[in-house]
């Protein structure tokens, strides 16, 4: 009996993508700013079939109000030697209802970065895709970019 080799890239089913989204709480929000793409790290929570995050008034807030956006999360499982990536696309809506905001707070949505983060944004998803692939451990990548790939956000 011949064993089939691991596929180079494994496409993830939507339910697998949701499971991965539930297992982390930091992503990179991609938006259009003055006609060019920009990326912002955000911490988030899942609320039903949407993603909620907080922000202050600024580029991220105004950009998400006017154009579609995307969020990407990724990770690595040492036990399997596989990395994964999930991308969601959709539009954001400002949460104004105080009870809805309190409900989101009860789920543990607290901004990590200091500063005024009074605006609650809900990313309603239009698409979710994911992939998984075999790789070396990130700490063994051994390139000068290694520090950037494992950097934390301040």
N, C-alpha and C. Protein backbone atom coordinates (compact mmCIF):
# COMPACT_ATOMS: atom_id res chain seq x y z
N UNK A 1 0.84 -1.17 0.00
CA UNK A 1 0.00 0.00 0.00
C UNK A 1 0.89 1.23 0.00
N UNK A 2 0.66 2.14 -0.96
CA UNK A 2 1.45 3.36 -1.06
C UNK A 2 0.79 4.47 -0.26
N UNK A 3 1.57 5.11 0.58
CA UNK A 3 1.06 6.25 1.34
C UNK A 3 1.08 7.48 0.45
N UNK A 4 0.00 8.24 0.52
CA UNK A 4 -0.06 9.47 -0.26
C UNK A 4 0.75 10.54 0.46
N UNK A 5 1.53 11.32 -0.30
CA UNK A 5 2.28 12.39 0.34
C UNK A 5 1.34 13.50 0.82
N UNK A 6 1.80 14.24 1.84
CA UNK A 6 1.01 15.38 2.30
C UNK A 6 0.87 16.39 1.17
N UNK A 7 -0.32 16.96 1.01
CA UNK A 7 -0.46 18.00 -0.01
C UNK A 7 0.39 19.20 0.37
N UNK A 8 0.84 19.93 -0.64
CA UNK A 8 1.67 21.10 -0.39
C UNK A 8 0.87 22.15 0.38
N UNK A 9 -0.34 22.42 -0.09
CA UNK A 9 -1.22 23.37 0.59
C UNK A 9 -2.58 22.72 0.74
N UNK A 10 -3.06 22.67 1.96
CA UNK A 10 -4.36 22.09 2.26
C UNK A 10 -5.37 23.23 2.45
N UNK A 11 -6.41 23.25 1.66
CA UNK A 11 -7.48 24.24 1.82
C UNK A 11 -8.32 23.85 3.03
N UNK A 12 -8.65 24.83 3.85
CA UNK A 12 -9.45 24.57 5.05
C UNK A 12 -10.92 24.83 4.79
N UNK A 13 -11.76 23.98 5.34
CA UNK A 13 -13.20 24.19 5.26
C UNK A 13 -13.57 25.38 6.16
N UNK A 14 -14.67 26.05 5.85
CA UNK A 14 -15.08 27.21 6.67
C UNK A 14 -15.18 26.90 8.16
N UNK A 15 -15.69 25.72 8.54
CA UNK A 15 -15.80 25.41 9.97
C UNK A 15 -14.43 25.28 10.63
N UNK A 16 -13.42 24.78 9.88
CA UNK A 16 -12.06 24.73 10.41
C UNK A 16 -11.51 26.15 10.60
N UNK A 17 -11.83 27.04 9.65
CA UNK A 17 -11.38 28.43 9.76
C UNK A 17 -11.96 29.08 11.02
N UNK A 18 -13.25 28.83 11.28
CA UNK A 18 -13.88 29.40 12.47
C UNK A 18 -13.24 28.86 13.75
N UNK A 19 -12.92 27.58 13.75
CA UNK A 19 -12.26 27.00 14.92
C UNK A 19 -10.93 27.70 15.18
N UNK A 20 -10.16 27.95 14.13
CA UNK A 20 -8.87 28.64 14.29
C UNK A 20 -9.08 30.09 14.73
N UNK A 21 -10.08 30.76 14.18
CA UNK A 21 -10.39 32.13 14.60
C UNK A 21 -10.73 32.17 16.09
N UNK A 22 -11.41 31.14 16.59
CA UNK A 22 -11.77 31.08 18.01
C UNK A 22 -10.58 30.84 18.91
N UNK A 23 -9.51 30.25 18.38
CA UNK A 23 -8.36 29.87 19.20
C UNK A 23 -7.34 30.99 19.38
N UNK A 24 -7.54 32.09 18.74
CA UNK A 24 -6.61 33.21 18.91
C UNK A 24 -7.43 34.49 19.03
N UNK A 25 -6.77 35.58 19.32
CA UNK A 25 -7.51 36.84 19.45
C UNK A 25 -6.73 38.04 18.92
N UNK A 26 -5.73 37.79 18.09
CA UNK A 26 -4.98 38.87 17.46
C UNK A 26 -4.92 38.61 15.96
N UNK A 27 -5.21 39.64 15.19
CA UNK A 27 -5.14 39.53 13.74
C UNK A 27 -4.59 40.81 13.14
N UNK A 28 -4.45 40.78 11.83
CA UNK A 28 -4.00 41.96 11.10
C UNK A 28 -5.14 42.41 10.21
N UNK A 29 -5.60 43.63 10.42
CA UNK A 29 -6.70 44.22 9.67
C UNK A 29 -6.13 44.96 8.47
N UNK A 30 -6.58 44.60 7.29
CA UNK A 30 -6.11 45.25 6.05
C UNK A 30 -7.22 46.15 5.52
N UNK A 31 -6.86 47.42 5.28
CA UNK A 31 -7.81 48.40 4.77
C UNK A 31 -7.14 49.24 3.68
N UNK A 32 -7.97 49.93 2.90
CA UNK A 32 -7.44 50.89 1.93
C UNK A 32 -7.37 52.26 2.59
N UNK A 33 -6.20 52.89 2.49
CA UNK A 33 -5.98 54.21 3.06
C UNK A 33 -5.45 55.10 1.94
N UNK A 34 -6.21 56.10 1.56
CA UNK A 34 -5.80 57.01 0.49
C UNK A 34 -5.36 56.26 -0.77
N UNK A 35 -6.10 55.21 -1.11
CA UNK A 35 -5.83 54.47 -2.34
C UNK A 35 -4.76 53.40 -2.26
N UNK A 36 -4.16 53.19 -1.09
CA UNK A 36 -3.15 52.14 -0.95
C UNK A 36 -3.50 51.26 0.24
N UNK A 37 -3.07 49.98 0.21
CA UNK A 37 -3.38 49.09 1.33
C UNK A 37 -2.52 49.42 2.55
N UNK A 38 -3.12 49.22 3.71
CA UNK A 38 -2.40 49.38 4.97
C UNK A 38 -2.87 48.27 5.91
N UNK A 39 -2.05 47.93 6.88
CA UNK A 39 -2.35 46.82 7.79
C UNK A 39 -2.16 47.29 9.23
N UNK A 40 -3.12 46.90 10.09
CA UNK A 40 -3.09 47.27 11.50
C UNK A 40 -3.29 46.03 12.36
N UNK A 41 -2.43 45.80 13.34
CA UNK A 41 -2.70 44.70 14.27
C UNK A 41 -3.85 45.07 15.19
N UNK A 42 -4.76 44.13 15.41
CA UNK A 42 -5.89 44.36 16.32
C UNK A 42 -6.13 43.10 17.14
N UNK A 43 -6.59 43.29 18.36
CA UNK A 43 -7.09 42.16 19.11
C UNK A 43 -8.61 42.16 18.95
N UNK A 44 -9.19 40.97 18.93
CA UNK A 44 -10.60 40.84 18.59
C UNK A 44 -11.24 39.72 19.39
N UNK A 45 -12.56 39.65 19.27
CA UNK A 45 -13.32 38.52 19.78
C UNK A 45 -14.31 38.12 18.69
N UNK A 46 -14.72 36.87 18.73
CA UNK A 46 -15.80 36.42 17.85
C UNK A 46 -17.11 36.63 18.59
N UNK A 47 -18.09 37.14 17.86
CA UNK A 47 -19.43 37.34 18.41
C UNK A 47 -20.41 36.83 17.37
N UNK A 48 -20.90 35.62 17.59
CA UNK A 48 -21.76 35.00 16.57
C UNK A 48 -20.95 34.73 15.32
N UNK A 49 -21.43 35.21 14.19
CA UNK A 49 -20.73 35.00 12.92
C UNK A 49 -20.01 36.27 12.47
N UNK A 50 -19.53 37.04 13.44
CA UNK A 50 -18.79 38.26 13.12
C UNK A 50 -17.58 38.42 14.05
N UNK A 51 -16.72 39.36 13.69
CA UNK A 51 -15.52 39.68 14.47
C UNK A 51 -15.69 41.10 14.99
N UNK A 52 -15.41 41.30 16.28
CA UNK A 52 -15.55 42.63 16.87
C UNK A 52 -14.20 43.06 17.44
N UNK A 53 -13.86 44.33 17.20
CA UNK A 53 -12.65 44.90 17.77
C UNK A 53 -12.94 46.35 18.13
N UNK A 54 -12.03 46.92 18.93
CA UNK A 54 -12.18 48.32 19.36
C UNK A 54 -11.04 49.15 18.78
N UNK A 55 -11.34 50.43 18.58
CA UNK A 55 -10.33 51.34 18.05
C UNK A 55 -10.66 52.76 18.49
N UNK A 56 -9.72 53.65 18.29
CA UNK A 56 -9.93 55.07 18.52
C UNK A 56 -10.19 55.75 17.18
N UNK A 57 -10.46 57.04 17.23
CA UNK A 57 -10.62 57.81 16.00
C UNK A 57 -9.26 57.91 15.33
N UNK A 58 -9.21 57.62 14.05
CA UNK A 58 -7.95 57.70 13.32
C UNK A 58 -8.09 57.00 11.99
N UNK A 59 -6.95 56.73 11.39
CA UNK A 59 -6.91 56.13 10.06
C UNK A 59 -7.67 54.82 10.00
N UNK A 60 -7.44 53.93 10.96
CA UNK A 60 -8.11 52.62 10.96
C UNK A 60 -9.62 52.78 11.02
N UNK A 61 -10.08 53.64 11.91
CA UNK A 61 -11.53 53.85 12.06
C UNK A 61 -12.14 54.38 10.78
N UNK A 62 -11.62 55.46 10.25
CA UNK A 62 -12.22 56.09 9.06
C UNK A 62 -12.10 55.20 7.84
N UNK A 63 -11.02 54.47 7.71
CA UNK A 63 -10.84 53.60 6.54
C UNK A 63 -11.82 52.43 6.55
N UNK A 64 -12.09 51.87 7.72
CA UNK A 64 -13.01 50.73 7.78
C UNK A 64 -14.46 51.17 7.57
N UNK A 65 -14.76 52.43 7.79
CA UNK A 65 -16.12 52.91 7.62
C UNK A 65 -16.50 53.10 6.16
N UNK A 66 -15.51 53.23 5.28
CA UNK A 66 -15.80 53.61 3.90
C UNK A 66 -15.50 52.54 2.86
N UNK A 67 -14.73 51.52 3.20
CA UNK A 67 -14.36 50.49 2.21
C UNK A 67 -14.42 49.11 2.84
N UNK A 68 -14.56 48.08 2.01
CA UNK A 68 -14.45 46.72 2.55
C UNK A 68 -13.05 46.51 3.13
N UNK A 69 -12.92 45.55 4.02
CA UNK A 69 -11.62 45.27 4.61
C UNK A 69 -11.44 43.76 4.76
N UNK A 70 -10.27 43.38 5.17
CA UNK A 70 -9.95 41.97 5.39
C UNK A 70 -9.16 41.84 6.68
N UNK A 71 -9.23 40.66 7.28
CA UNK A 71 -8.42 40.37 8.45
C UNK A 71 -7.75 39.03 8.23
N UNK A 72 -6.49 38.94 8.65
CA UNK A 72 -5.72 37.71 8.51
C UNK A 72 -5.17 37.31 9.87
N UNK A 73 -5.27 36.01 10.17
CA UNK A 73 -4.64 35.45 11.36
C UNK A 73 -3.85 34.24 10.90
N UNK A 74 -2.83 33.90 11.65
CA UNK A 74 -2.06 32.71 11.31
C UNK A 74 -1.44 32.11 12.55
N UNK A 75 -0.90 30.93 12.39
CA UNK A 75 -0.29 30.26 13.52
C UNK A 75 0.52 29.06 13.06
N UNK A 76 1.11 28.40 14.04
CA UNK A 76 1.96 27.25 13.79
C UNK A 76 1.71 26.22 14.88
N UNK A 77 1.54 24.98 14.48
CA UNK A 77 1.36 23.88 15.42
C UNK A 77 2.63 23.03 15.42
N UNK A 78 3.40 23.12 16.49
CA UNK A 78 4.65 22.37 16.58
C UNK A 78 4.41 20.86 16.50
N UNK A 79 3.30 20.40 17.06
CA UNK A 79 3.03 18.96 17.09
C UNK A 79 2.87 18.36 15.69
N UNK A 80 2.36 19.14 14.76
CA UNK A 80 2.16 18.64 13.39
C UNK A 80 3.20 19.18 12.42
N UNK A 81 3.93 20.24 12.83
CA UNK A 81 4.88 20.88 11.93
C UNK A 81 4.19 21.65 10.82
N UNK A 82 2.92 22.04 11.07
CA UNK A 82 2.16 22.74 10.04
C UNK A 82 1.81 24.15 10.49
N UNK A 83 1.89 25.06 9.54
CA UNK A 83 1.45 26.44 9.74
C UNK A 83 0.08 26.58 9.10
N UNK A 84 -0.67 27.58 9.52
CA UNK A 84 -1.99 27.82 8.95
C UNK A 84 -2.24 29.32 8.83
N UNK A 85 -3.15 29.66 7.96
CA UNK A 85 -3.52 31.06 7.73
C UNK A 85 -5.01 31.12 7.40
N UNK A 86 -5.71 32.06 8.01
CA UNK A 86 -7.13 32.29 7.74
C UNK A 86 -7.30 33.75 7.35
N UNK A 87 -8.06 33.98 6.28
CA UNK A 87 -8.36 35.34 5.82
C UNK A 87 -9.87 35.49 5.75
N UNK A 88 -10.37 36.58 6.33
CA UNK A 88 -11.80 36.90 6.25
C UNK A 88 -11.93 38.25 5.55
N UNK A 89 -13.02 38.39 4.81
CA UNK A 89 -13.31 39.66 4.14
C UNK A 89 -14.73 40.08 4.47
N UNK A 90 -14.93 41.39 4.55
CA UNK A 90 -16.27 41.89 4.81
C UNK A 90 -16.28 43.40 5.00
N UNK A 91 -17.33 43.85 5.64
CA UNK A 91 -17.52 45.28 5.92
C UNK A 91 -17.73 45.48 7.41
N UNK A 92 -17.34 46.64 7.90
CA UNK A 92 -17.50 46.93 9.32
C UNK A 92 -18.70 47.85 9.54
N UNK A 93 -19.27 47.70 10.72
CA UNK A 93 -20.34 48.57 11.18
C UNK A 93 -20.01 49.02 12.59
N UNK A 94 -20.29 50.26 12.88
CA UNK A 94 -20.08 50.82 14.21
C UNK A 94 -21.18 50.31 15.14
N UNK A 95 -20.78 49.81 16.31
CA UNK A 95 -21.75 49.35 17.32
C UNK A 95 -22.06 50.54 18.22
N UNK A 96 -23.31 50.99 18.18
CA UNK A 96 -23.72 52.14 18.99
C UNK A 96 -24.55 51.75 20.21
N UNK A 97 -25.26 50.64 20.14
CA UNK A 97 -26.13 50.20 21.21
C UNK A 97 -25.31 49.83 22.45
N UNK A 98 -25.63 50.46 23.59
CA UNK A 98 -24.88 50.23 24.83
C UNK A 98 -24.99 48.79 25.33
N UNK A 99 -26.15 48.17 25.18
CA UNK A 99 -26.31 46.78 25.61
C UNK A 99 -25.46 45.85 24.75
N UNK A 100 -25.41 46.13 23.46
CA UNK A 100 -24.59 45.31 22.56
C UNK A 100 -23.11 45.47 22.91
N UNK A 101 -22.71 46.69 23.24
CA UNK A 101 -21.32 46.93 23.64
C UNK A 101 -21.00 46.20 24.94
N UNK A 102 -21.92 46.24 25.89
CA UNK A 102 -21.72 45.55 27.17
C UNK A 102 -21.63 44.03 26.95
N UNK A 103 -22.42 43.52 26.03
CA UNK A 103 -22.38 42.09 25.72
C UNK A 103 -21.02 41.70 25.16
N UNK A 104 -20.47 42.54 24.28
CA UNK A 104 -19.15 42.30 23.70
C UNK A 104 -18.07 42.40 24.78
N UNK A 105 -18.18 43.39 25.67
CA UNK A 105 -17.23 43.52 26.78
C UNK A 105 -17.24 42.26 27.65
N UNK A 106 -18.44 41.69 27.86
CA UNK A 106 -18.57 40.49 28.69
C UNK A 106 -17.85 39.29 28.05
N UNK A 107 -17.65 39.33 26.74
CA UNK A 107 -16.92 38.26 26.05
C UNK A 107 -15.41 38.41 26.18
N UNK A 108 -14.98 39.52 26.79
CA UNK A 108 -13.55 39.72 27.04
C UNK A 108 -12.84 40.62 26.04
N UNK A 109 -13.59 41.51 25.40
CA UNK A 109 -12.95 42.41 24.44
C UNK A 109 -12.37 43.61 25.18
N UNK A 110 -11.09 43.54 25.47
CA UNK A 110 -10.37 44.63 26.11
C UNK A 110 -9.19 44.98 25.24
N UNK A 111 -9.05 46.26 24.85
CA UNK A 111 -7.90 46.64 24.01
C UNK A 111 -6.58 46.36 24.73
N UNK A 112 -5.62 45.89 23.99
CA UNK A 112 -4.29 45.63 24.54
C UNK A 112 -3.46 46.90 24.57
N UNK A 113 -3.59 47.70 23.55
CA UNK A 113 -2.78 48.91 23.42
C UNK A 113 -3.40 50.02 24.26
N UNK A 114 -2.58 50.77 24.99
CA UNK A 114 -3.13 51.88 25.77
C UNK A 114 -3.71 52.95 24.85
N UNK A 115 -4.57 53.74 25.40
CA UNK A 115 -5.17 54.84 24.64
C UNK A 115 -6.67 54.70 24.59
N UNK A 116 -7.28 55.69 24.00
CA UNK A 116 -8.72 55.77 23.92
C UNK A 116 -9.23 54.88 22.78
N UNK A 117 -9.91 53.81 23.11
CA UNK A 117 -10.45 52.85 22.12
C UNK A 117 -11.96 52.75 22.32
N UNK A 118 -12.65 53.87 22.17
CA UNK A 118 -14.07 53.94 22.47
C UNK A 118 -15.00 53.46 21.36
N UNK A 119 -14.47 53.18 20.18
CA UNK A 119 -15.31 52.77 19.07
C UNK A 119 -15.26 51.26 18.89
N UNK A 120 -16.42 50.64 18.92
CA UNK A 120 -16.56 49.20 18.74
C UNK A 120 -16.97 48.96 17.29
N UNK A 121 -16.19 48.15 16.59
CA UNK A 121 -16.48 47.86 15.19
C UNK A 121 -16.76 46.38 15.01
N UNK A 122 -17.82 46.07 14.28
CA UNK A 122 -18.19 44.70 13.97
C UNK A 122 -17.88 44.43 12.50
N UNK A 123 -17.02 43.45 12.25
CA UNK A 123 -16.69 43.03 10.90
C UNK A 123 -17.65 41.90 10.53
N UNK A 124 -18.62 42.22 9.66
CA UNK A 124 -19.56 41.21 9.18
C UNK A 124 -18.93 40.52 7.98
N UNK A 125 -18.81 39.21 8.07
CA UNK A 125 -18.02 38.47 7.10
C UNK A 125 -18.80 38.13 5.83
N UNK A 126 -18.15 38.39 4.71
CA UNK A 126 -18.69 38.01 3.41
C UNK A 126 -17.97 36.78 2.87
N UNK A 127 -16.74 36.53 3.33
CA UNK A 127 -15.97 35.38 2.87
C UNK A 127 -14.97 34.99 3.95
N UNK A 128 -14.72 33.70 4.08
CA UNK A 128 -13.69 33.18 4.99
C UNK A 128 -12.98 32.05 4.26
N UNK A 129 -11.65 32.14 4.21
CA UNK A 129 -10.84 31.12 3.56
C UNK A 129 -9.64 30.80 4.44
N UNK A 130 -9.10 29.62 4.26
CA UNK A 130 -7.94 29.24 5.05
C UNK A 130 -7.12 28.18 4.35
N UNK A 131 -5.89 28.06 4.81
CA UNK A 131 -5.00 27.03 4.28
C UNK A 131 -4.06 26.57 5.37
N UNK A 132 -3.54 25.37 5.19
CA UNK A 132 -2.58 24.78 6.13
C UNK A 132 -1.48 24.16 5.28
N UNK A 133 -0.24 24.24 5.78
CA UNK A 133 0.87 23.69 5.01
C UNK A 133 2.00 23.29 5.94
N UNK A 134 2.79 22.32 5.51
CA UNK A 134 3.93 21.82 6.27
C UNK A 134 5.06 22.83 6.18
N UNK A 135 5.76 23.06 7.30
CA UNK A 135 6.87 24.00 7.32
C UNK A 135 7.83 23.62 8.44
N UNK A 136 8.98 24.28 8.45
CA UNK A 136 9.90 24.13 9.58
C UNK A 136 9.37 24.97 10.73
N UNK A 137 9.85 24.69 11.92
CA UNK A 137 9.48 25.51 13.07
C UNK A 137 9.89 26.95 12.81
N UNK A 138 9.04 27.93 13.13
CA UNK A 138 9.39 29.33 12.90
C UNK A 138 10.69 29.76 13.55
N UNK A 139 11.03 29.19 14.71
CA UNK A 139 12.27 29.59 15.37
C UNK A 139 13.50 29.02 14.67
N UNK A 140 13.30 28.15 13.68
CA UNK A 140 14.42 27.59 12.93
C UNK A 140 14.51 28.15 11.51
N UNK A 141 13.68 29.15 11.18
CA UNK A 141 13.71 29.70 9.83
C UNK A 141 15.09 30.24 9.50
N UNK A 142 15.77 30.80 10.51
CA UNK A 142 17.17 31.17 10.37
C UNK A 142 17.46 32.27 9.37
N UNK A 143 16.52 33.15 9.12
CA UNK A 143 16.78 34.25 8.21
C UNK A 143 16.85 35.54 9.00
N UNK A 144 17.42 36.59 8.43
CA UNK A 144 17.44 37.87 9.12
C UNK A 144 16.05 38.39 9.42
N UNK A 145 15.03 37.90 8.68
CA UNK A 145 13.67 38.35 8.91
C UNK A 145 13.03 37.68 10.11
N UNK A 146 13.71 36.70 10.69
CA UNK A 146 13.12 35.94 11.79
C UNK A 146 12.61 36.87 12.89
N UNK A 147 13.35 37.91 13.24
CA UNK A 147 12.91 38.82 14.29
C UNK A 147 11.60 39.50 13.91
N UNK A 148 11.46 39.89 12.64
CA UNK A 148 10.24 40.56 12.19
C UNK A 148 9.06 39.59 12.20
N UNK A 149 9.31 38.33 11.89
CA UNK A 149 8.22 37.37 11.84
C UNK A 149 7.68 37.01 13.21
N UNK A 150 8.48 37.18 14.23
CA UNK A 150 8.05 36.81 15.57
C UNK A 150 7.89 38.03 16.47
N UNK A 151 7.92 39.21 15.88
CA UNK A 151 7.87 40.44 16.68
C UNK A 151 6.51 40.59 17.34
N UNK A 152 6.50 41.20 18.49
CA UNK A 152 5.26 41.54 19.15
C UNK A 152 4.95 42.99 18.84
N UNK A 153 3.68 43.36 18.97
CA UNK A 153 3.26 44.72 18.65
C UNK A 153 3.26 45.57 19.91
N UNK A 154 3.75 46.77 19.77
CA UNK A 154 3.81 47.69 20.91
C UNK A 154 2.81 48.81 20.71
